[in-house]
N, C-alpha and C. Protein backbone atom coordinates (compact mmCIF):
# COMPACT_ATOMS: atom_id res chain seq x y z
N MET A 1 -0.99 -13.05 23.88
CA MET A 1 -2.10 -13.59 24.59
C MET A 1 -3.86 -13.75 23.58
N ASP A 2 -3.91 -14.58 24.01
CA ASP A 2 -5.50 -15.07 23.06
C ASP A 2 -6.93 -14.07 23.15
N TYR A 3 -7.44 -14.14 22.44
CA TYR A 3 -8.14 -13.12 22.05
C TYR A 3 -9.89 -14.05 21.54
N ILE A 4 -10.59 -13.49 21.92
CA ILE A 4 -11.88 -14.30 21.33
C ILE A 4 -12.61 -13.25 20.35
N LEU A 5 -13.05 -13.27 19.13
CA LEU A 5 -13.47 -12.49 18.79
C LEU A 5 -15.14 -12.82 18.02
N GLU A 6 -15.67 -11.82 17.64
CA GLU A 6 -16.93 -12.01 17.65
C GLU A 6 -16.91 -11.35 15.84
N ASN A 7 -17.66 -11.62 14.73
CA ASN A 7 -17.82 -11.02 14.06
C ASN A 7 -16.92 -10.39 13.25
N ALA A 8 -15.32 -11.37 13.02
CA ALA A 8 -14.35 -10.28 12.90
C ALA A 8 -14.19 -10.21 11.69
N LEU A 9 -13.21 -8.98 10.95
CA LEU A 9 -13.11 -8.63 10.20
C LEU A 9 -11.54 -8.94 10.09
N ILE A 10 -10.49 -8.90 9.81
CA ILE A 10 -9.33 -8.88 9.61
C ILE A 10 -8.63 -8.67 8.42
N VAL A 11 -7.89 -7.25 8.14
CA VAL A 11 -7.68 -6.96 6.80
C VAL A 11 -6.00 -6.87 7.26
N THR A 12 -5.23 -7.00 5.78
CA THR A 12 -3.85 -6.60 5.69
C THR A 12 -3.38 -5.89 4.75
N GLU A 13 -2.05 -5.10 5.52
CA GLU A 13 -1.80 -4.23 4.20
C GLU A 13 -0.10 -3.99 4.23
N LYS A 14 0.02 -3.49 3.76
CA LYS A 14 1.59 -3.33 3.66
C LYS A 14 1.99 -2.13 3.61
N SER A 15 2.96 -2.14 4.61
CA SER A 15 3.34 -0.43 5.00
C SER A 15 4.31 0.36 3.98
N LYS A 16 4.71 1.49 4.22
CA LYS A 16 5.34 2.00 4.08
C LYS A 16 6.73 1.00 3.23
N ASP A 17 7.42 1.01 4.58
CA ASP A 17 8.50 0.16 5.06
C ASP A 17 8.44 -1.12 4.99
N ASN A 18 7.73 -1.93 4.11
CA ASN A 18 7.17 -3.39 3.34
C ASN A 18 6.79 -3.80 4.64
N THR A 19 6.01 -3.53 6.06
CA THR A 19 5.82 -4.35 6.82
C THR A 19 4.44 -4.21 6.96
N ASN A 20 3.94 -5.64 7.33
CA ASN A 20 2.52 -6.04 7.21
C ASN A 20 1.78 -5.05 8.27
N ILE A 21 1.04 -4.81 8.38
CA ILE A 21 -0.34 -4.08 9.28
C ILE A 21 -1.43 -5.23 9.20
N LEU A 22 -1.58 -5.50 10.12
CA LEU A 22 -2.77 -6.50 10.28
C LEU A 22 -3.94 -5.17 11.10
N LYS A 23 -5.25 -4.88 10.63
CA LYS A 23 -6.03 -4.45 11.26
C LYS A 23 -7.12 -5.44 11.48
N VAL A 24 -7.56 -5.29 13.27
CA VAL A 24 -8.65 -6.15 13.02
C VAL A 24 -9.94 -5.36 13.95
N TYR A 25 -10.85 -6.17 12.94
CA TYR A 25 -12.23 -5.01 13.49
C TYR A 25 -13.48 -5.92 13.87
N ALA A 26 -14.16 -5.75 15.31
CA ALA A 26 -14.70 -7.04 16.02
C ALA A 26 -16.06 -6.35 16.53
N ASP A 27 -16.81 -7.16 16.29
CA ASP A 27 -18.33 -6.62 17.13
C ASP A 27 -17.59 -6.74 18.68
N ARG A 28 -17.16 -7.60 18.79
CA ARG A 28 -16.77 -8.31 20.46
C ARG A 28 -15.46 -8.58 20.41
N ILE A 29 -14.69 -7.94 21.10
CA ILE A 29 -13.02 -8.66 21.51
C ILE A 29 -13.23 -9.36 22.84
N VAL A 30 -12.67 -10.15 23.26
CA VAL A 30 -13.18 -10.57 24.66
C VAL A 30 -11.66 -11.10 24.90
N LEU A 31 -11.07 -11.51 25.99
CA LEU A 31 -9.47 -11.68 26.31
C LEU A 31 -10.04 -13.26 26.69
N ALA A 32 -9.32 -14.37 26.02
CA ALA A 32 -9.60 -15.31 26.44
C ALA A 32 -8.43 -15.81 28.18
N LYS A 33 -9.39 -16.11 28.92
CA LYS A 33 -8.57 -16.30 30.29
C LYS A 33 -8.52 -17.67 30.52
N ASN A 34 -8.47 -18.64 29.57
CA ASN A 34 -7.75 -19.87 30.04
C ASN A 34 -8.27 -20.90 28.64
N GLU A 35 -7.44 -22.27 29.19
CA GLU A 35 -7.53 -22.86 27.96
C GLU A 35 -9.12 -23.25 27.55
N ASN A 36 -9.78 -23.85 28.33
CA ASN A 36 -11.06 -23.89 28.50
C ASN A 36 -11.61 -23.42 27.50
N GLU A 37 -11.73 -22.30 27.87
CA GLU A 37 -12.29 -20.91 26.92
C GLU A 37 -12.14 -20.93 25.28
N LYS A 38 -10.83 -21.36 25.62
CA LYS A 38 -10.45 -21.00 23.97
C LYS A 38 -10.82 -22.57 23.05
N GLU A 39 -11.35 -23.30 23.36
CA GLU A 39 -11.62 -24.79 23.11
C GLU A 39 -13.22 -24.99 22.94
N GLU A 40 -13.84 -24.43 23.87
CA GLU A 40 -14.94 -23.74 23.94
C GLU A 40 -15.98 -23.26 22.58
N LYS A 41 -15.16 -22.05 22.55
CA LYS A 41 -15.53 -21.70 21.52
C LYS A 41 -14.78 -21.80 20.27
N LYS A 42 -14.28 -22.92 20.37
CA LYS A 42 -13.65 -23.46 18.66
C LYS A 42 -15.13 -24.38 18.91
N ASN A 43 -15.10 -25.14 19.48
CA ASN A 43 -16.16 -26.21 18.74
C ASN A 43 -17.82 -25.39 19.02
N ALA A 44 -18.38 -24.34 19.51
CA ALA A 44 -19.07 -24.13 19.13
C ALA A 44 -19.57 -23.72 18.24
């Protein structure tokens, strides 16, 4: 699934079993409905 993030902070951490943990903080997270919306946001 694709998401549109606004004012996002992504933090990576190593867990005890050495796997990567991604923590995503954002003012707004929206599910991208289609390809056009994703392109629009990239070009904006």
